[in-house]
Amino acid sequence: LKHFQFRAFSPSRPNVPASLMPIRTTTSMVPHCDNKIIPHHAGVHTTGALGEILKKDELEKHATCKFILRPWQKRTFQLYETGLAYYTDKQDHQKFIPMASISELRLERTNRFEILVTWEDGSKSDQHRLRADSDEKTEEWFTAVKPLVYEARSSSLSE
């Protein structure tokens, strides 16, 4: 895949396809299966390239940095059959976690319910702790994600 850089849409650059208008930051672009160019990770959820949004809500993600004043950060999460996308309101931080890369998914209770998501990214493993504004919503998210993870695992094992 050939990567190239693209700057945000501007009316002064009319040769930029309208489908790329939602992208607000410089991002890496990759070819998609039907010869469209789509943003890779950053903004990929804005183009519809991932399919139908199964669930969307604001969740809190526990910061991975230990030196932050507020460890719980609000993010908008979108659940797709193929993965989990999340981003900030300003869309200055965006990430996509493919379902097939999730190696562990647990629902744990400290003082509130939290979803622990562990995934493999190349040779390293990463983990997020997620929670909604209520235990009920957190359980709903866990219940929605769990079968998709198992389906992705069984598909990757059969290939």
Protein backbone atom coordinates (compact mmCIF):
# COMPACT_ATOMS: atom_id res chain seq x y z
CA LEU A 1 0.00 0.00 0.00
CA LYS A 2 1.28 3.38 -0.93
CA HIS A 3 0.84 6.03 1.77
CA PHE A 4 0.79 9.75 1.08
CA GLN A 5 0.00 12.90 3.00
CA PHE A 6 -3.11 15.00 2.51
CA ARG A 7 -3.94 18.28 4.20
CA ALA A 8 -7.44 19.18 5.39
CA PHE A 9 -10.06 20.15 2.81
CA SER A 10 -10.02 23.74 1.75
CA PRO A 11 -12.32 25.58 -0.71
CA SER A 12 -9.17 26.95 -2.31
CA ARG A 13 -8.29 23.35 -3.31
CA PRO A 14 -11.33 22.31 -5.40
CA ASN A 15 -9.58 19.20 -6.78
CA VAL A 16 -9.95 17.49 -3.38
CA PRO A 17 -12.83 14.95 -3.42
CA ALA A 18 -15.87 15.98 -1.38
CA SER A 19 -15.77 12.63 0.44
CA LEU A 20 -12.62 13.82 2.21
CA MET A 21 -14.17 17.02 3.57
CA PRO A 22 -14.69 15.71 7.14
CA ILE A 23 -10.94 15.20 7.62
CA ARG A 24 -9.60 18.07 9.71
CA THR A 25 -6.02 17.09 10.32
CA THR A 26 -3.08 15.89 8.27
CA THR A 27 -3.46 12.15 7.97
CA SER A 28 -2.12 9.14 6.14
CA MET A 29 -4.30 7.98 3.24
CA VAL A 30 -4.59 4.45 1.81
CA PRO A 31 -6.43 2.91 -1.16
CA HIS A 32 -9.70 1.14 -0.33
CA CYS A 33 -11.02 -2.01 -2.01
CA ASP A 34 -13.25 -0.15 -4.49
CA ASN A 35 -10.44 2.21 -5.64
CA LYS A 36 -11.48 5.04 -3.31
CA ILE A 37 -8.86 6.74 -1.19
CA ILE A 38 -9.77 6.74 2.49
CA PRO A 39 -8.04 8.06 5.60
CA HIS A 40 -6.20 5.41 7.59
CA HIS A 41 -7.29 5.29 11.27
CA ALA A 42 -7.61 9.05 11.73
CA GLY A 43 -11.03 9.92 10.42
CA VAL A 44 -11.78 6.53 8.84
CA HIS A 45 -15.08 6.46 10.75
CA THR A 46 -16.18 9.73 9.12
CA THR A 47 -16.27 8.29 5.59
CA GLY A 48 -18.51 5.29 6.21
CA ALA A 49 -15.77 2.95 5.00
CA LEU A 50 -16.20 0.76 8.08
CA GLY A 51 -19.87 0.06 7.44
CA GLU A 52 -22.87 0.64 9.64
CA ILE A 53 -22.40 2.11 13.12
CA LEU A 54 -23.89 -0.49 15.48
CA LYS A 55 -23.58 1.61 18.62
CA LYS A 56 -22.35 5.13 19.35
CA ASP A 57 -21.96 6.86 22.69
CA GLU A 58 -19.66 8.94 24.84
CA LEU A 59 -17.53 6.74 27.09
CA GLU A 60 -14.62 7.48 29.38
CA LYS A 61 -11.22 5.96 28.65
CA HIS A 62 -8.66 5.72 31.41
CA ALA A 63 -5.50 7.58 30.41
CA THR A 64 -2.45 5.41 29.83
CA CYS A 65 -0.14 8.19 31.05
CA LYS A 66 0.30 8.11 34.83
CA PHE A 67 1.16 11.81 35.09
CA ILE A 68 -2.19 13.22 34.07
CA LEU A 69 -4.44 15.17 36.47
CA ARG A 70 -7.75 13.73 35.25
CA PRO A 71 -7.17 10.08 34.43
CA TRP A 72 -10.62 9.51 32.86
CA GLN A 73 -10.90 11.10 29.41
CA LYS A 74 -14.18 11.50 27.51
CA ARG A 75 -14.18 10.00 24.02
CA THR A 76 -16.88 9.33 21.45
CA PHE A 77 -16.92 5.60 20.68
CA GLN A 78 -18.41 3.99 17.61
CA LEU A 79 -18.92 0.24 17.41
CA TYR A 80 -18.67 -1.46 14.02
CA GLU A 81 -18.78 -5.13 13.15
CA THR A 82 -15.09 -4.84 12.21
CA GLY A 83 -13.84 -2.81 15.15
CA LEU A 84 -14.10 -0.04 17.68
CA ALA A 85 -13.35 3.57 16.73
CA TYR A 86 -12.97 6.42 19.18
CA TYR A 87 -12.09 10.08 19.00
CA THR A 88 -12.19 13.35 20.94
CA ASP A 89 -14.78 16.06 20.28
CA LYS A 90 -12.18 18.04 18.35
CA GLN A 91 -11.16 14.83 16.53
CA ASP A 92 -7.52 15.62 17.34
CA HIS A 93 -7.03 12.11 18.74
CA GLN A 94 -8.58 9.21 16.81
CA LYS A 95 -8.01 5.46 16.95
CA PHE A 96 -9.47 2.30 15.46
CA ILE A 97 -9.10 -1.08 17.17
CA PRO A 98 -9.93 -3.99 14.83
CA MET A 99 -12.07 -6.71 16.44
CA ALA A 100 -9.66 -9.39 15.21
CA SER A 101 -6.82 -7.78 17.20
CA ILE A 102 -8.69 -7.87 20.54
CA SER A 103 -7.15 -10.66 22.62
CA GLU A 104 -9.11 -10.12 25.84
CA LEU A 105 -12.38 -8.47 26.81
CA ARG A 106 -13.55 -8.38 30.44
CA LEU A 107 -16.17 -6.62 32.50
CA GLU A 108 -14.80 -5.77 35.95
CA ARG A 109 -16.13 -3.88 38.92
CA THR A 110 -14.00 -1.59 41.04
CA ASN A 111 -16.26 1.14 42.42
CA ARG A 112 -18.02 1.16 38.98
CA PHE A 113 -18.20 -1.29 36.09
CA GLU A 114 -15.31 -1.01 33.62
CA ILE A 115 -14.62 -2.80 30.36
CA LEU A 116 -11.02 -3.95 29.96
CA VAL A 117 -10.01 -4.26 26.31
CA THR A 118 -6.63 -5.80 25.46
CA TRP A 119 -5.44 -5.95 21.87
CA GLU A 120 -2.35 -6.85 19.92
CA ASP A 121 -0.75 -4.13 17.79
CA GLY A 122 2.11 -5.69 15.89
CA SER A 123 4.55 -7.10 18.42
CA LYS A 124 3.14 -5.17 21.39
CA SER A 125 0.02 -5.48 23.49
CA ASP A 126 -2.07 -2.53 24.65
CA GLN A 127 -4.99 -2.17 27.05
CA HIS A 128 -7.78 0.33 27.70
CA ARG A 129 -10.19 0.64 30.58
CA LEU A 130 -13.55 2.02 29.47
CA ARG A 131 -16.69 3.04 31.30
CA ALA A 132 -19.99 4.76 30.54
CA ASP A 133 -21.81 7.23 32.74
CA SER A 134 -23.76 4.36 34.33
CA ASP A 135 -23.13 0.70 35.12
CA GLU A 136 -26.11 -0.23 32.93
CA LYS A 137 -24.63 1.53 29.88
CA THR A 138 -21.23 -0.05 30.53
CA GLU A 139 -22.86 -3.49 30.62
CA GLU A 140 -24.75 -2.69 27.38
CA TRP A 141 -21.46 -1.84 25.65
CA PHE A 142 -19.80 -5.02 26.92
CA THR A 143 -22.78 -7.09 25.74
CA ALA A 144 -22.63 -5.44 22.29
CA VAL A 145 -18.85 -5.84 21.81
CA LYS A 146 -18.42 -9.38 23.18
CA PRO A 147 -20.08 -11.37 20.35
CA LEU A 148 -18.24 -9.32 17.71
CA VAL A 149 -14.89 -10.15 19.33
CA TYR A 150 -15.73 -13.87 19.42
CA GLU A 151 -16.94 -13.77 15.81
CA ALA A 152 -13.74 -12.01 14.67
CA ARG A 153 -11.58 -14.53 16.59
CA SER A 154 -13.36 -17.53 15.07
CA SER A 155 -13.11 -15.99 11.58
CA SER A 156 -9.37 -15.35 11.95
CA LEU A 157 -8.79 -18.90 13.23
CA SER A 158 -10.63 -20.46 10.29
CA GLU A 159 -8.61 -18.51 7.68
